[in-house]
Amino acid sequence: MTRAGGLGLMFLAPVLWSTAGVVTRQIERASSFELVFWRSLFAFAFVAAALAAMRRNPLHMGWPGLASAGLWAVMFTAFMIALTLTTTANTLVVMSVSPLLTTLLARAFLKDPLPAGTWIAAGAAALGIAWMFGADLSAHTARDLTGMLVALSIPIAAAVNVITLRAVSAELDLRPAVMLGAAISCLAALPLVLPLQATPQDIALLAFLGVFQLGLPCMLLVLASRVLLAPEMALIGLLEVVLGPLWAWLGAGEVPARSTLTGGAIILGALVLNELATFRRVLVSRTSGRLESP
């Protein structure tokens, strides 16, 4: 896969992820753990079907696959619970610390080169996050804070997962880990959802989330990890932070605070500048290579 192809897949992933908030707000009766159960069930079924169609062996993952599956399960479960406790914007703001954590872990455990621009972009993103969170701290209820605490487990798991994917991308195909993670999440939620209360509309919406908001974009991320640096992937994933509250505002009436809009603009600006700088470096490198060729 080319770098351009990896960028295309990685940009599509957060666009799909960002639909979770607005779709969840249309749920009629399903409880928080029932949201986890149905979404993970449909994600499992979709990824299993996709792997079967590609004739991939889901057991050839080794310990990195098992670790990645556990991390996916944490993310799948915590995300839906957080959305039922606090707003889409609050959930995504907490999640957006992932690029900074990923950059630090990449520095510690990977040999990927980390340009100064990536550090600057991660720092700018952290500034945007601090602005979004700090400006409205006094307005957060106990329920909001609980939801944000649950959401904090997501960027931690996501950062470790991206590092794991990047570390073994040359040797192992970890798309089956998405399937296993969904299965673990589904089974963990099952004892807490009986009796089931979801309406047919709820199940249809959760089927959409399982396939298009969870299974497909997570598989795209695994593919993109083969050609993109770990901090890059985390930074591009911040598009979800910007788009998620926007869709929730337009489709569910969740009006984001002004601080959320300002912080989101800072985050988006950091993302754009980082990608422009990366594109320029790649272009200069390729041009230099052509000039030096005999």
Protein backbone atom coordinates (compact mmCIF):
# COMPACT_ATOMS: atom_id res chain seq x y z
CA MET A 1 0.00 0.00 0.00
CA THR A 2 1.23 3.51 -0.81
CA ARG A 3 1.40 6.34 1.70
CA ALA A 4 -1.35 8.19 -0.20
CA GLY A 5 -3.59 5.14 0.08
CA GLY A 6 -2.88 4.89 3.80
CA LEU A 7 -3.74 8.56 4.29
CA GLY A 8 -7.00 8.09 2.41
CA LEU A 9 -8.01 5.16 4.60
CA MET A 10 -6.95 6.96 7.77
CA PHE A 11 -8.93 10.10 6.93
CA LEU A 12 -12.04 8.03 6.17
CA ALA A 13 -11.85 6.19 9.50
CA PRO A 14 -12.50 9.18 11.83
CA VAL A 15 -15.25 10.44 9.52
CA LEU A 16 -17.05 7.15 10.09
CA TRP A 17 -16.21 7.09 13.82
CA SER A 18 -17.68 10.58 14.22
CA THR A 19 -21.24 9.36 13.49
CA ALA A 20 -21.55 7.61 16.87
CA GLY A 21 -22.89 10.53 18.88
CA VAL A 22 -25.64 11.65 16.54
CA VAL A 23 -26.85 8.10 15.91
CA THR A 24 -26.80 7.18 19.61
CA ARG A 25 -29.03 10.16 20.42
CA GLN A 26 -31.75 8.58 18.26
CA ILE A 27 -31.89 5.43 20.41
CA GLU A 28 -35.31 4.93 22.01
CA ARG A 29 -35.04 2.33 24.79
CA ALA A 30 -31.74 0.44 24.80
CA SER A 31 -29.63 0.86 27.95
CA SER A 32 -25.96 1.80 27.90
CA PHE A 33 -24.75 -1.81 28.15
CA GLU A 34 -27.29 -2.87 25.54
CA LEU A 35 -25.79 -0.29 23.20
CA VAL A 36 -22.41 -1.93 23.78
CA PHE A 37 -23.84 -5.42 23.21
CA TRP A 38 -25.64 -4.79 19.92
CA ARG A 39 -22.99 -2.54 18.38
CA SER A 40 -20.21 -4.99 19.22
CA LEU A 41 -22.28 -7.95 18.02
CA PHE A 42 -22.84 -6.39 14.60
CA ALA A 43 -19.19 -5.31 14.40
CA PHE A 44 -18.10 -8.88 15.16
CA ALA A 45 -20.42 -10.29 12.47
CA PHE A 46 -19.25 -7.77 9.86
CA VAL A 47 -15.52 -8.25 10.45
CA ALA A 48 -15.93 -12.05 10.60
CA ALA A 49 -17.77 -12.00 7.26
CA ALA A 50 -15.14 -9.71 5.72
CA LEU A 51 -12.27 -11.92 6.89
CA ALA A 52 -14.04 -15.03 5.60
CA ALA A 53 -14.53 -13.38 2.20
CA MET A 54 -10.80 -12.54 2.12
CA ARG A 55 -9.95 -16.04 3.36
CA ARG A 56 -7.94 -14.69 6.27
CA ASN A 57 -7.04 -16.96 9.17
CA PRO A 58 -8.35 -15.20 12.31
CA LEU A 59 -6.14 -17.33 14.58
CA HIS A 60 -2.81 -16.18 13.10
CA MET A 61 -2.32 -13.18 15.38
CA GLY A 62 0.01 -14.25 18.18
CA TRP A 63 0.20 -12.36 21.46
CA PRO A 64 0.11 -8.92 19.75
CA GLY A 65 -3.30 -9.85 18.33
CA LEU A 66 -4.61 -10.89 21.73
CA ALA A 67 -3.31 -7.68 23.28
CA SER A 68 -4.84 -5.59 20.51
CA ALA A 69 -8.17 -7.42 20.88
CA GLY A 70 -8.27 -6.63 24.59
CA LEU A 71 -7.55 -2.96 23.88
CA TRP A 72 -10.26 -2.82 21.21
CA ALA A 73 -12.69 -4.35 23.71
CA VAL A 74 -11.91 -1.61 26.26
CA MET A 75 -12.44 1.09 23.66
CA PHE A 76 -15.64 -0.41 22.25
CA THR A 77 -17.19 -0.78 25.70
CA ALA A 78 -16.08 2.46 27.35
CA PHE A 79 -17.07 4.64 24.40
CA MET A 80 -20.74 3.75 24.39
CA ILE A 81 -20.99 3.95 28.18
CA ALA A 82 -19.35 7.39 28.17
CA LEU A 83 -21.81 8.64 25.56
CA THR A 84 -24.74 7.72 27.81
CA LEU A 85 -23.25 9.64 30.74
CA THR A 86 -22.06 12.86 29.12
CA THR A 87 -22.22 14.79 25.86
CA THR A 88 -20.61 13.77 22.59
CA ALA A 89 -18.28 16.79 22.78
CA ASN A 90 -17.11 15.98 26.33
CA THR A 91 -16.45 12.35 25.41
CA LEU A 92 -14.45 13.24 22.31
CA VAL A 93 -12.51 16.01 24.05
CA VAL A 94 -11.20 13.53 26.61
CA MET A 95 -10.42 11.03 23.85
CA SER A 96 -8.41 13.60 21.96
CA VAL A 97 -5.44 13.30 24.32
CA SER A 98 -4.60 10.18 22.31
CA PRO A 99 -2.13 11.88 19.89
CA LEU A 100 0.00 13.18 22.74
CA LEU A 101 0.03 9.79 24.47
CA THR A 102 0.78 8.05 21.18
CA THR A 103 3.65 10.40 20.40
CA LEU A 104 5.22 9.77 23.82
CA LEU A 105 4.83 5.99 23.50
CA ALA A 106 6.18 6.03 19.93
CA ARG A 107 9.22 7.91 21.16
CA ALA A 108 9.74 5.33 23.92
CA PHE A 109 9.06 2.06 22.09
CA LEU A 110 9.29 2.56 18.32
CA LYS A 111 12.07 3.59 15.98
CA ASP A 112 9.74 5.68 13.82
CA PRO A 113 11.27 9.12 13.16
CA LEU A 114 9.33 11.88 14.89
CA PRO A 115 9.81 15.25 13.16
CA ALA A 116 9.67 18.39 15.27
CA GLY A 117 6.44 19.33 13.48
CA THR A 118 4.71 16.26 14.90
CA TRP A 119 5.68 17.26 18.45
CA ILE A 120 4.46 20.80 17.80
CA ALA A 121 1.17 19.52 16.36
CA ALA A 122 0.65 17.23 19.36
CA GLY A 123 1.36 20.14 21.70
CA ALA A 124 -1.05 22.39 19.83
CA ALA A 125 -3.69 19.69 19.99
CA ALA A 126 -3.11 19.42 23.75
CA LEU A 127 -3.61 23.19 24.00
CA GLY A 128 -6.90 22.91 22.14
CA ILE A 129 -8.01 20.12 24.44
CA ALA A 130 -7.09 22.13 27.55
CA TRP A 131 -9.04 25.10 26.21
CA MET A 132 -12.13 22.99 25.51
CA PHE A 133 -12.02 21.32 28.90
CA GLY A 134 -10.86 24.11 31.19
CA ALA A 135 -13.18 26.86 30.00
CA ASP A 136 -16.30 24.94 31.03
CA LEU A 137 -15.00 22.96 34.02
CA SER A 138 -17.40 24.56 36.50
CA ALA A 139 -20.36 23.68 34.29
CA HIS A 140 -19.70 19.91 34.38
CA THR A 141 -22.08 17.85 36.53
CA ALA A 142 -21.08 14.78 38.54
CA ARG A 143 -22.58 12.66 35.75
CA ASP A 144 -20.48 14.51 33.17
CA LEU A 145 -17.32 13.95 35.16
CA THR A 146 -18.12 10.24 35.56
CA GLY A 147 -18.62 9.93 31.80
CA MET A 148 -15.38 11.77 31.12
CA LEU A 149 -13.52 9.52 33.56
CA VAL A 150 -14.86 6.47 31.71
CA ALA A 151 -13.85 8.09 28.42
CA LEU A 152 -10.29 8.56 29.71
CA SER A 153 -9.68 4.82 29.35
CA ILE A 154 -10.26 5.14 25.60
CA PRO A 155 -7.26 7.29 24.57
CA ILE A 156 -4.97 5.28 26.85
CA ALA A 157 -6.07 2.02 25.22
CA ALA A 158 -6.03 3.63 21.76
CA ALA A 159 -2.45 4.89 22.13
CA VAL A 160 -1.16 1.49 23.27
CA ASN A 161 -3.12 -0.20 20.47
CA VAL A 162 -1.72 2.05 17.74
CA ILE A 163 1.81 1.39 18.99
CA THR A 164 1.10 -2.37 18.98
CA LEU A 165 -0.33 -2.25 15.45
CA ARG A 166 2.60 -0.21 14.17
CA ALA A 167 5.19 -2.43 15.85
CA VAL A 168 4.00 -5.66 14.19
CA SER A 169 2.42 -4.32 10.97
CA ALA A 170 5.18 -5.84 8.82
CA GLU A 171 4.77 -9.35 10.23
CA LEU A 172 1.13 -9.76 11.29
CA ASP A 173 -2.31 -8.86 9.97
CA LEU A 174 -4.20 -7.69 13.07
CA ARG A 175 -7.58 -7.14 11.45
CA PRO A 176 -8.83 -10.31 13.19
CA ALA A 177 -8.08 -8.55 16.49
CA VAL A 178 -10.93 -6.14 15.71
CA MET A 179 -13.27 -9.14 15.44
CA LEU A 180 -12.02 -10.68 18.68
CA GLY A 181 -12.23 -7.34 20.49
CA ALA A 182 -15.84 -6.93 19.41
CA ALA A 183 -16.62 -10.47 20.61
CA ILE A 184 -15.07 -9.79 24.03
CA SER A 185 -16.98 -6.52 24.36
CA CYS A 186 -20.24 -8.20 23.34
CA LEU A 187 -19.85 -11.10 25.76
CA ALA A 188 -18.80 -8.82 28.64
CA ALA A 189 -21.95 -6.72 28.20
CA LEU A 190 -24.35 -9.65 27.77
CA PRO A 191 -24.98 -10.44 31.48
CA LEU A 192 -25.80 -6.77 32.10
CA VAL A 193 -28.38 -6.31 29.31
CA LEU A 194 -30.95 -9.02 30.03
CA PRO A 195 -33.83 -8.68 29.50
CA LEU A 196 -33.24 -6.92 26.19
CA GLN A 197 -35.23 -3.71 25.73
CA ALA A 198 -34.07 -2.39 22.35
CA THR A 199 -36.77 -1.54 19.80
CA PRO A 200 -36.45 -2.55 16.12
CA GLN A 201 -35.35 1.02 15.39
CA ASP A 202 -32.68 0.77 18.08
CA ILE A 203 -31.35 -2.48 16.63
CA ALA A 204 -31.26 -1.03 13.11
CA LEU A 205 -29.33 2.03 14.32
CA LEU A 206 -26.92 -0.12 16.30
CA ALA A 207 -26.42 -2.37 13.28
CA PHE A 208 -25.36 0.74 11.34
CA LEU A 209 -22.94 1.69 14.12
CA GLY A 210 -21.56 -1.85 14.36
CA VAL A 211 -20.78 -2.04 10.65
CA PHE A 212 -19.99 1.50 9.51
CA GLN A 213 -18.95 3.28 12.70
CA LEU A 214 -16.99 0.44 14.31
CA GLY A 215 -16.05 -2.60 12.22
CA LEU A 216 -15.15 -0.93 8.92
CA PRO A 217 -13.16 2.09 10.19
CA CYS A 218 -11.23 -0.02 12.70
CA MET A 219 -10.17 -2.35 9.88
CA LEU A 220 -9.14 0.71 7.87
CA LEU A 221 -6.95 1.87 10.76
CA VAL A 222 -5.21 -1.51 10.88
CA LEU A 223 -4.45 -1.26 7.15
CA ALA A 224 -3.22 2.33 7.45
CA SER A 225 -0.82 1.30 10.24
CA ARG A 226 1.29 -0.45 7.61
CA VAL A 227 2.43 2.81 6.00
CA LEU A 228 1.75 5.65 8.45
CA LEU A 229 3.62 6.61 11.61
CA ALA A 230 1.84 6.05 14.91
CA PRO A 231 1.64 9.76 15.90
CA GLU A 232 0.38 10.60 12.41
CA MET A 233 -2.47 8.13 12.74
CA ALA A 234 -3.44 9.51 16.13
CA LEU A 235 -3.38 13.10 14.85
CA ILE A 236 -5.55 12.28 11.83
CA GLY A 237 -7.94 10.51 14.20
CA LEU A 238 -8.59 13.92 15.81
CA LEU A 239 -10.96 14.62 12.93
CA GLU A 240 -13.47 12.64 14.98
CA VAL A 241 -13.18 15.24 17.75
CA VAL A 242 -14.12 18.01 15.35
CA LEU A 243 -16.79 16.20 13.32
CA GLY A 244 -18.50 14.28 16.14
CA PRO A 245 -19.86 17.34 18.00
CA LEU A 246 -20.78 18.91 14.64
CA TRP A 247 -22.98 15.96 13.63
CA ALA A 248 -24.49 15.81 17.15
CA TRP A 249 -25.29 19.51 16.90
CA LEU A 250 -26.85 19.30 13.42
CA GLY A 251 -28.64 15.98 13.89
CA ALA A 252 -29.48 15.80 17.60
CA GLY A 253 -29.54 19.37 18.84
CA GLU A 254 -26.45 19.08 21.09
CA VAL A 255 -25.18 22.63 20.85
CA PRO A 256 -21.41 22.69 21.52
CA ALA A 257 -20.04 25.39 23.81
CA ARG A 258 -18.01 28.20 22.31
CA SER A 259 -14.90 26.83 24.02
CA THR A 260 -15.51 23.50 22.27
CA LEU A 261 -15.63 25.24 18.90
CA THR A 262 -12.48 27.25 19.64
CA GLY A 263 -10.57 24.23 20.90
CA GLY A 264 -11.78 22.18 17.95
CA ALA A 265 -10.47 24.82 15.56
CA ILE A 266 -7.04 24.68 17.26
CA ILE A 267 -7.00 20.89 16.99
CA LEU A 268 -8.05 20.92 13.34
CA GLY A 269 -5.43 23.57 12.55
CA ALA A 270 -2.72 21.44 14.19
CA LEU A 271 -3.81 18.44 12.13
CA VAL A 272 -3.81 20.35 8.84
CA LEU A 273 -0.42 21.99 9.45
CA ASN A 274 1.16 18.68 10.42
CA GLU A 275 -0.09 16.95 7.28
CA LEU A 276 1.03 19.84 5.06
CA ALA A 277 4.50 19.72 6.62
CA THR A 278 4.65 15.93 6.19
CA PHE A 279 3.55 16.20 2.55
CA ARG A 280 6.25 18.82 1.93
CA ARG A 281 8.94 16.59 3.44
CA VAL A 282 7.85 13.64 1.30
CA LEU A 283 7.77 15.82 -1.83
CA VAL A 284 11.25 17.26 -1.16
CA SER A 285 12.62 13.77 -0.46
CA ARG A 286 11.22 12.40 -3.71
CA THR A 287 12.48 15.40 -5.70
CA SER A 288 15.95 15.05 -4.21
CA GLY A 289 15.94 11.37 -5.06
CA ARG A 290 15.13 12.09 -8.69
CA LEU A 291 17.82 14.78 -8.90
CA GLU A 292 20.43 12.40 -7.51
CA SER A 293 19.50 9.54 -9.84
CA PRO A 294 22.00 8.88 -12.69
